[in-house]
Amino acid sequence: MTALAPGALATADRLAHVLTDPRTVWPSGRPDGGRAWPQSLAGGVSGIALLHIERARTGHGDWDTAHTWLVAAVHGEVSAAANANLYFGAPALAFVTHRAASASSRYLRVLERLDAATLTVTRNRLAEAHQRIDRAEQPPMEEFDLIQGLSGLGAYHLSRHPHHAITRDVLAYLVRLTEPMTEAAGLPPWWMNVAPTGATSADYPGGHGNFGLAHGIGSALSVMSLALLHGLTVPGLADAVERVCDWTDQWRQGDEISPWWPGLISMEQATNGRIHPDLRPRPSWCYGVSGTARAQQLAGLALRDPDRVRAAENAILATLRDPLQLAKLPEIGLCHGTAGLLHAGWRMARATGNTGIAAELPRLADHLITALGQKDHDPELLDGAAGAALALHTLGTGSAPAPHWDTFLALA
């Protein structure tokens, strides 16, 4: 697909220039508070390193800047503890370093060390997950989601070494995650007995079922579908994708022209079998159509199901053409904002050559560019300027070479 929206690349260049020097971005010398930690992909140094690495890989940035940010990201003690995941610690740094090493041999030794730590983290998490399934207990959110769990680790391994044993082990776990448990009759085996926060809550008695790419079964659906599209033949993988699709089909709302999926459902909704139209999520990546439609498209492509692909593309196209839906995304970012919808639309248009989706993207890009110029924004990757810059850079260049930067979003 050719590049779209001439202003997109110029805006991405401008944003990247502002984010050139870590000492300027964080005058204190390091990000502080919240998720803004050097090893954090979402809000720390490693996320901004990803922007500069992608620019260098595509010939629109310099490797010296990318190297400066990458050195800052790996500086100090790297976490490979139980809380390490695709978005934090050794796996996050391995993900970013792999993108740099794909274009330069200078990072191979550090990547090997980060890989070894990530393998250990993944094996430990797999052992815990299988023990939980053996006990026939419902999964905690952090077991399988993209940001904290094994879908995220699986996305990394699929990108880094698709034929490695650890990649097949994670995929085998995702297959097992979808297999029915008699103790949870009537509910999918990935149903969580916690609230969307990941903790128990009186507001969610009986827990919830989560469709999203950030914290729900959408991430597993995307990773398994991508594995099938890579040609991996893990036993039961296609059946697992179909099981997830059967559940999402059960809860699909709207009509053929404008379908949508809930971000999550409560036990009450599951029991009643009904979703109120007011519960339609805003079209974000994390819970809305920016993520769920791409997961459905990938599943349709993996299963050779043109009807599913068509429904997914109709969903994103209807959203891109609906001012009321677009107005629900005042933020700029990849997770909660316009950049996520823009990039998901680009990915979906690119996958099948859908000219209708592609035609809507320049207007959305102009909207994002305007929003970026109205005030200063947080520099972070997931909801700030770095993520918006990556979406605009990709649209402006018409390219996102493998290993794909948006693997951490389960979009490729």
Protein backbone atom coordinates (compact mmCIF):
# COMPACT_ATOMS: atom_id res chain seq x y z
CA MET A 1 0.00 0.00 0.00
CA THR A 2 1.32 3.43 -0.89
CA ALA A 3 1.82 6.14 1.70
CA LEU A 4 -1.23 8.18 2.72
CA ALA A 5 -1.75 11.68 4.17
CA PRO A 6 1.27 13.84 3.23
CA GLY A 7 1.17 15.70 6.53
CA ALA A 8 1.48 12.49 8.54
CA LEU A 9 5.19 11.97 8.01
CA ALA A 10 6.05 15.63 8.61
CA THR A 11 4.15 15.57 11.91
CA ALA A 12 5.84 12.32 12.93
CA ASP A 13 9.21 13.89 12.16
CA ARG A 14 8.35 16.93 14.28
CA LEU A 15 7.24 14.81 17.23
CA ALA A 16 10.34 12.64 17.01
CA HIS A 17 12.56 15.73 16.96
CA VAL A 18 11.01 16.93 20.22
CA LEU A 19 11.74 13.49 21.68
CA THR A 20 15.37 13.34 20.49
CA ASP A 21 17.20 13.80 23.80
CA PRO A 22 16.24 11.90 26.98
CA ARG A 23 17.67 14.76 29.06
CA THR A 24 15.19 17.16 27.46
CA VAL A 25 12.23 14.80 27.62
CA TRP A 26 12.92 14.05 31.29
CA PRO A 27 15.08 16.84 32.73
CA SER A 28 15.37 14.96 36.03
CA GLY A 29 17.32 12.30 34.16
CA ARG A 30 14.64 9.58 34.28
CA PRO A 31 10.87 9.23 34.12
CA ASP A 32 9.27 9.12 37.52
CA GLY A 33 5.99 7.84 38.89
CA GLY A 34 3.18 5.71 37.52
CA ARG A 35 4.15 3.52 34.60
CA ALA A 36 6.93 5.89 33.48
CA TRP A 37 9.85 3.64 34.35
CA PRO A 38 12.82 3.13 32.02
CA GLN A 39 11.95 -0.53 31.44
CA SER A 40 8.28 0.27 30.78
CA LEU A 41 7.20 -0.05 27.17
CA ALA A 42 3.97 1.81 27.87
CA GLY A 43 5.31 4.90 29.59
CA GLY A 44 9.07 4.73 29.93
CA VAL A 45 12.30 5.05 28.02
CA SER A 46 11.96 1.78 26.12
CA GLY A 47 8.74 2.94 24.47
CA ILE A 48 10.36 6.07 23.08
CA ALA A 49 13.36 3.98 22.02
CA LEU A 50 10.94 1.94 19.88
CA LEU A 51 9.91 5.09 17.99
CA HIS A 52 13.49 6.04 17.17
CA ILE A 53 14.44 2.47 16.25
CA GLU A 54 11.53 2.25 13.80
CA ARG A 55 12.50 5.58 12.26
CA ALA A 56 16.10 4.42 11.85
CA ARG A 57 15.02 1.07 10.39
CA THR A 58 12.92 2.81 7.73
CA GLY A 59 15.58 5.38 6.85
CA HIS A 60 13.80 8.35 8.41
CA GLY A 61 15.86 8.66 11.58
CA ASP A 62 19.42 8.19 12.70
CA TRP A 63 20.84 5.25 14.60
CA ASP A 64 22.73 7.48 17.01
CA THR A 65 19.44 8.76 18.47
CA ALA A 66 18.00 5.25 18.57
CA HIS A 67 21.15 4.02 20.30
CA THR A 68 21.00 6.78 22.91
CA TRP A 69 17.47 5.82 23.88
CA LEU A 70 18.18 2.10 23.81
CA VAL A 71 21.20 2.51 26.11
CA ALA A 72 19.05 4.55 28.49
CA ALA A 73 16.39 1.83 28.44
CA VAL A 74 18.73 -1.03 29.34
CA HIS A 75 20.68 0.98 31.91
CA GLY A 76 20.62 -0.41 35.43
CA GLU A 77 19.21 -3.61 36.84
CA VAL A 78 16.74 -5.31 34.49
CA SER A 79 13.71 -7.02 36.00
CA ALA A 80 13.11 -10.67 35.21
CA ALA A 81 10.91 -11.16 38.27
CA ALA A 82 7.37 -12.51 38.34
CA ASN A 83 6.02 -9.11 37.28
CA ALA A 84 8.08 -9.01 34.07
CA ASN A 85 6.01 -9.05 30.89
CA LEU A 86 5.87 -7.73 27.34
CA TYR A 87 5.33 -4.23 28.71
CA PHE A 88 7.89 -4.29 31.51
CA GLY A 89 11.32 -5.63 32.33
CA ALA A 90 13.42 -8.09 30.35
CA PRO A 91 10.68 -9.08 27.86
CA ALA A 92 9.92 -5.43 27.04
CA LEU A 93 13.60 -4.68 26.52
CA ALA A 94 14.03 -7.85 24.46
CA PHE A 95 11.14 -6.76 22.25
CA VAL A 96 12.65 -3.33 21.62
CA THR A 97 16.20 -4.65 21.21
CA HIS A 98 15.06 -7.26 18.69
CA ARG A 99 13.79 -4.46 16.45
CA ALA A 100 17.19 -2.76 16.66
CA ALA A 101 19.17 -5.98 16.18
CA SER A 102 17.19 -6.82 13.03
CA ALA A 103 18.98 -3.94 11.31
CA SER A 104 22.28 -3.91 13.20
CA SER A 105 24.46 -6.71 14.54
CA ARG A 106 25.75 -4.50 17.36
CA TYR A 107 22.90 -5.51 19.70
CA LEU A 108 23.01 -9.28 19.31
CA ARG A 109 24.88 -10.03 22.56
CA VAL A 110 22.57 -7.97 24.75
CA LEU A 111 19.59 -9.49 22.93
CA GLU A 112 20.85 -12.98 23.75
CA ARG A 113 20.95 -12.10 27.46
CA LEU A 114 17.50 -10.52 27.37
CA ASP A 115 16.18 -13.53 25.46
CA ALA A 116 17.51 -15.92 28.09
CA ALA A 117 15.77 -13.94 30.84
CA THR A 118 12.54 -13.79 28.81
CA LEU A 119 12.63 -17.54 28.25
CA THR A 120 12.88 -18.09 32.01
CA VAL A 121 10.02 -15.69 32.70
CA THR A 122 7.86 -17.41 30.09
CA ARG A 123 8.56 -20.92 31.33
CA ASN A 124 7.72 -19.92 34.90
CA ARG A 125 4.48 -18.29 33.80
CA LEU A 126 3.54 -21.35 31.74
CA ALA A 127 4.10 -23.66 34.69
CA GLU A 128 1.84 -21.52 36.90
CA ALA A 129 -0.85 -21.36 34.22
CA HIS A 130 -0.95 -25.11 33.66
CA GLN A 131 -1.14 -25.70 37.40
CA ARG A 132 -4.13 -23.34 37.56
CA ILE A 133 -5.88 -25.21 34.75
CA ASP A 134 -5.14 -28.53 36.47
CA ARG A 135 -6.98 -27.14 39.50
CA ALA A 136 -9.92 -26.16 37.25
CA GLU A 137 -9.81 -22.58 38.53
CA GLN A 138 -10.74 -19.51 36.54
CA PRO A 139 -7.75 -17.54 35.23
CA PRO A 140 -6.55 -14.28 36.75
CA MET A 141 -6.34 -11.43 34.25
CA GLU A 142 -2.55 -11.32 34.40
CA GLU A 143 -2.26 -14.95 33.33
CA PHE A 144 -3.21 -14.61 29.69
CA ASP A 145 -3.69 -10.96 28.75
CA LEU A 146 -1.43 -9.03 26.38
CA ILE A 147 -0.01 -6.44 28.72
CA GLN A 148 0.82 -8.62 31.71
CA GLY A 149 0.39 -12.19 30.58
CA LEU A 150 1.16 -15.03 28.23
CA SER A 151 -0.53 -13.61 25.14
CA GLY A 152 2.00 -10.78 25.29
CA LEU A 153 4.92 -13.11 25.84
CA GLY A 154 3.59 -15.30 23.03
CA ALA A 155 3.43 -12.28 20.71
CA TYR A 156 7.10 -11.59 21.41
CA HIS A 157 8.25 -15.17 20.88
CA LEU A 158 6.19 -15.50 17.69
CA SER A 159 7.92 -12.43 16.33
CA ARG A 160 11.41 -13.28 17.62
CA HIS A 161 11.62 -17.02 16.90
CA PRO A 162 8.36 -18.53 15.57
CA HIS A 163 9.74 -22.07 15.39
CA HIS A 164 11.33 -22.12 18.84
CA ALA A 165 9.95 -24.64 21.31
CA ILE A 166 8.89 -21.86 23.69
CA THR A 167 6.67 -20.35 21.01
CA ARG A 168 4.90 -23.66 20.51
CA ASP A 169 4.61 -24.09 24.27
CA VAL A 170 2.86 -20.75 24.65
CA LEU A 171 0.53 -21.53 21.76
CA ALA A 172 -0.24 -24.94 23.29
CA TYR A 173 -1.15 -23.15 26.51
CA LEU A 174 -3.46 -20.74 24.63
CA VAL A 175 -5.15 -23.76 23.06
CA ARG A 176 -5.63 -25.29 26.50
CA LEU A 177 -6.94 -21.96 27.82
CA THR A 178 -9.87 -22.23 25.41
CA GLU A 179 -10.80 -25.82 26.25
CA PRO A 180 -14.03 -26.10 28.29
CA MET A 181 -13.95 -26.67 32.04
CA THR A 182 -16.96 -28.46 33.51
CA GLU A 183 -16.66 -26.40 36.70
CA ALA A 184 -17.51 -23.27 34.69
CA ALA A 185 -20.48 -24.64 32.77
CA GLY A 186 -22.10 -22.01 30.56
CA LEU A 187 -19.13 -19.68 30.75
CA PRO A 188 -16.05 -19.66 28.53
CA PRO A 189 -12.93 -21.08 30.19
CA TRP A 190 -11.23 -17.67 29.97
CA TRP A 191 -13.96 -16.07 32.11
CA MET A 192 -12.33 -14.18 34.98
CA ASN A 193 -13.80 -14.01 38.49
CA VAL A 194 -12.52 -10.45 38.94
CA ALA A 195 -13.54 -6.98 37.78
CA PRO A 196 -11.89 -5.32 34.75
CA THR A 197 -9.39 -3.82 37.17
CA GLY A 198 -8.04 -7.30 37.82
CA ALA A 199 -9.28 -7.27 41.42
CA THR A 200 -12.46 -8.62 42.97
CA SER A 201 -15.27 -6.06 43.20
CA ALA A 202 -18.86 -5.93 44.39
CA ASP A 203 -19.66 -4.23 41.08
CA TYR A 204 -18.80 -7.46 39.25
CA PRO A 205 -20.20 -10.35 41.28
CA GLY A 206 -19.26 -13.45 39.36
CA GLY A 207 -16.51 -11.65 37.46
CA HIS A 208 -16.55 -10.79 33.77
CA GLY A 209 -15.78 -11.94 30.25
CA ASN A 210 -13.33 -9.67 28.45
CA PHE A 211 -13.17 -9.22 24.66
CA GLY A 212 -10.39 -6.64 24.50
CA LEU A 213 -6.88 -6.81 23.10
CA ALA A 214 -5.27 -5.29 26.17
CA HIS A 215 -6.74 -7.51 28.87
CA GLY A 216 -9.11 -9.97 27.21
CA ILE A 217 -9.44 -12.95 24.93
CA GLY A 218 -8.95 -10.72 21.90
CA SER A 219 -5.20 -10.81 22.49
CA ALA A 220 -5.13 -14.62 22.51
CA LEU A 221 -7.29 -14.67 19.38
CA SER A 222 -4.89 -12.36 17.56
CA VAL A 223 -1.75 -14.24 18.61
CA MET A 224 -3.19 -17.66 17.71
CA SER A 225 -4.46 -16.34 14.36
CA LEU A 226 -1.09 -14.80 13.57
CA ALA A 227 0.55 -18.13 14.38
CA LEU A 228 -1.73 -19.89 11.91
CA LEU A 229 -0.91 -17.26 9.30
CA HIS A 230 2.80 -17.97 10.00
CA GLY A 231 2.09 -21.60 9.08
CA LEU A 232 2.57 -23.04 12.57
CA THR A 233 0.80 -26.35 13.09
CA VAL A 234 0.33 -26.61 16.84
CA PRO A 235 -2.28 -29.30 17.60
CA GLY A 236 -5.73 -27.85 18.16
CA LEU A 237 -4.74 -24.28 17.23
CA ALA A 238 -7.37 -23.75 14.54
CA ASP A 239 -10.03 -25.32 16.78
CA ALA A 240 -9.07 -22.92 19.56
CA VAL A 241 -9.46 -19.93 17.23
CA GLU A 242 -12.87 -21.22 16.22
CA ARG A 243 -13.95 -21.63 19.85
CA VAL A 244 -13.08 -18.03 20.61
CA CYS A 245 -14.83 -16.90 17.44
CA ASP A 246 -17.97 -18.83 18.38
CA TRP A 247 -18.11 -16.91 21.66
CA THR A 248 -17.48 -13.52 20.08
CA ASP A 249 -20.12 -14.30 17.43
CA GLN A 250 -22.62 -15.01 20.18
CA TRP A 251 -22.15 -11.49 21.52
CA ARG A 252 -21.69 -9.57 18.29
CA GLN A 253 -24.06 -6.61 18.10
CA GLY A 254 -25.28 -4.23 15.41
CA ASP A 255 -26.00 -5.38 11.86
CA GLU A 256 -24.05 -6.60 8.85
CA ILE A 257 -23.13 -3.07 7.82
CA SER A 258 -22.07 -1.85 11.25
CA PRO A 259 -21.27 -4.74 13.60
CA TRP A 260 -19.59 -4.25 16.96
CA TRP A 261 -18.50 -6.27 19.95
CA PRO A 262 -18.75 -5.38 23.63
CA GLY A 263 -15.55 -4.63 25.48
CA LEU A 264 -16.64 -6.92 28.29
CA ILE A 265 -19.74 -8.54 29.75
CA SER A 266 -20.80 -9.06 33.34
CA MET A 267 -22.29 -12.19 34.83
CA GLU A 268 -25.72 -10.55 34.74
CA GLN A 269 -25.40 -9.87 31.02
CA ALA A 270 -24.13 -13.37 30.38
CA THR A 271 -27.11 -14.81 32.26
CA ASN A 272 -29.63 -12.57 30.49
CA GLY A 273 -27.98 -13.01 27.10
CA ARG A 274 -28.42 -9.33 26.28
CA ILE A 275 -26.19 -6.30 25.76
CA HIS A 276 -27.75 -2.84 25.92
CA PRO A 277 -26.75 -0.64 22.94
CA ASP A 278 -25.51 2.03 25.36
CA LEU A 279 -22.77 -0.37 26.41
CA ARG A 280 -21.06 -0.15 23.04
CA PRO A 281 -17.43 0.68 23.87
CA ARG A 282 -15.72 3.68 22.36
CA PRO A 283 -13.64 2.65 19.32
CA SER A 284 -10.34 2.37 21.13
CA TRP A 285 -7.65 -0.28 20.69
CA CYS A 286 -7.79 -1.62 24.24
CA TYR A 287 -11.50 -2.52 24.41
CA GLY A 288 -13.17 -1.19 21.28
CA VAL A 289 -13.41 -1.87 17.59
CA SER A 290 -9.84 -0.73 16.85
CA GLY A 291 -8.71 -3.94 18.53
CA THR A 292 -11.66 -6.31 18.26
CA ALA A 293 -12.17 -5.79 14.53
CA ARG A 294 -8.50 -6.45 13.76
CA ALA A 295 -8.60 -9.63 15.87
CA GLN A 296 -11.66 -10.77 13.91
CA GLN A 297 -9.99 -9.96 10.60
CA LEU A 298 -6.90 -11.96 11.55
CA ALA A 299 -9.08 -14.88 12.64
CA GLY A 300 -11.01 -14.73 9.38
CA LEU A 301 -7.83 -14.72 7.35
CA ALA A 302 -6.36 -17.58 9.39
CA LEU A 303 -9.52 -19.70 9.08
CA ARG A 304 -10.08 -18.72 5.43
CA ASP A 305 -13.48 -17.32 6.42
CA PRO A 306 -14.32 -14.44 4.06
CA ASP A 307 -17.56 -13.64 5.89
CA ARG A 308 -15.65 -13.00 9.10
CA VAL A 309 -13.12 -10.83 7.30
CA ARG A 310 -15.96 -8.86 5.70
CA ALA A 311 -17.71 -8.32 9.03
CA ALA A 312 -14.49 -7.10 10.63
CA GLU A 313 -13.77 -4.67 7.82
CA ASN A 314 -17.37 -3.43 7.82
CA ALA A 315 -17.04 -2.78 11.56
CA ILE A 316 -13.94 -0.60 11.23
CA LEU A 317 -15.24 1.15 8.11
CA ALA A 318 -18.56 2.02 9.73
CA THR A 319 -16.69 3.47 12.69
CA LEU A 320 -14.37 5.53 10.51
CA ARG A 321 -17.43 7.01 8.76
CA ASP A 322 -19.41 7.75 11.94
CA PRO A 323 -18.74 11.20 13.47
CA LEU A 324 -20.48 10.16 16.69
CA GLN A 325 -18.10 7.25 17.17
CA LEU A 326 -15.03 9.32 16.28
CA ALA A 327 -16.07 11.96 18.78
CA LYS A 328 -15.69 9.36 21.53
CA LEU A 329 -11.90 9.40 21.03
CA PRO A 330 -10.70 12.83 22.20
CA GLU A 331 -7.31 11.40 23.22
CA ILE A 332 -4.37 11.05 20.84
CA GLY A 333 -2.88 7.74 21.93
CA LEU A 334 -2.59 4.18 20.69
CA CYS A 335 -4.46 2.65 23.61
CA HIS A 336 -7.37 4.99 24.27
CA GLY A 337 -7.21 7.42 21.40
CA THR A 338 -7.21 8.28 17.72
CA ALA A 339 -3.75 6.88 16.97
CA GLY A 340 -4.94 3.37 17.84
CA LEU A 341 -7.91 3.59 15.48
CA LEU A 342 -5.76 5.10 12.75
CA HIS A 343 -3.15 2.37 12.95
CA ALA A 344 -5.65 -0.48 13.25
CA GLY A 345 -7.39 0.89 10.16
CA TRP A 346 -4.07 1.03 8.31
CA ARG A 347 -3.27 -2.55 9.26
CA MET A 348 -6.68 -3.80 8.18
CA ALA A 349 -6.63 -1.92 4.88
CA ARG A 350 -3.13 -3.22 4.17
CA ALA A 351 -4.04 -6.83 4.94
CA THR A 352 -6.65 -7.16 2.20
CA GLY A 353 -6.23 -4.04 0.06
CA ASN A 354 -9.52 -2.59 1.30
CA THR A 355 -9.69 0.74 -0.53
CA GLY A 356 -12.76 1.88 1.40
CA ILE A 357 -10.90 1.77 4.72
CA ALA A 358 -7.78 3.31 3.18
CA ALA A 359 -9.80 6.24 1.83
CA GLU A 360 -10.95 7.21 5.33
CA LEU A 361 -7.50 7.29 6.91
CA PRO A 362 -6.19 10.65 5.65
CA ARG A 363 -9.14 12.48 7.22
CA LEU A 364 -8.59 10.70 10.53
CA ALA A 365 -4.87 11.48 10.33
CA ASP A 366 -5.65 15.17 9.81
CA HIS A 367 -7.86 15.07 12.90
CA LEU A 368 -5.02 13.54 14.92
CA ILE A 369 -2.50 16.06 13.59
CA THR A 370 -4.79 18.91 14.61
CA ALA A 371 -5.20 17.48 18.11
CA LEU A 372 -1.44 17.08 18.48
CA GLY A 373 -0.91 20.74 17.66
CA GLN A 374 -3.37 22.08 20.21
CA LYS A 375 -1.36 21.35 23.36
CA ASP A 376 1.66 19.53 24.73
CA HIS A 377 1.27 15.81 25.33
CA ASP A 378 2.91 13.20 27.49
CA PRO A 379 5.87 11.68 25.62
CA GLU A 380 4.95 8.05 26.32
CA LEU A 381 4.32 5.29 23.80
CA LEU A 382 0.96 3.84 24.78
CA ASP A 383 -1.11 6.98 25.24
CA GLY A 384 1.21 9.82 24.31
CA ALA A 385 3.21 11.50 21.60
CA ALA A 386 5.58 8.61 20.82
CA GLY A 387 2.69 6.29 19.96
CA ALA A 388 0.94 8.93 17.86
CA ALA A 389 4.23 9.56 16.05
CA LEU A 390 4.60 5.85 15.24
CA ALA A 391 1.07 5.63 13.83
CA LEU A 392 1.60 8.73 11.69
CA HIS A 393 5.08 7.58 10.63
CA THR A 394 3.68 4.26 9.45
CA LEU A 395 0.81 5.91 7.59
CA GLY A 396 3.16 8.46 6.06
CA THR A 397 5.73 5.92 4.87
CA GLY A 398 3.21 3.23 3.98
CA SER A 399 5.52 0.68 5.57
CA ALA A 400 6.05 -1.25 8.82
CA PRO A 401 8.81 -3.78 8.12
CA ALA A 402 9.19 -7.00 10.06
CA PRO A 403 9.83 -7.51 12.89
CA HIS A 404 6.76 -5.32 13.28
CA TRP A 405 6.74 -2.55 15.88
CA ASP A 406 2.98 -3.04 16.45
CA THR A 407 3.44 -6.62 17.64
CA PHE A 408 3.15 -5.23 21.15
CA LEU A 409 -0.44 -4.26 20.25
CA ALA A 410 -1.20 -7.73 18.81
CA LEU A 411 -2.06 -6.02 15.52
CA ALA A 412 0.72 -7.75 13.52
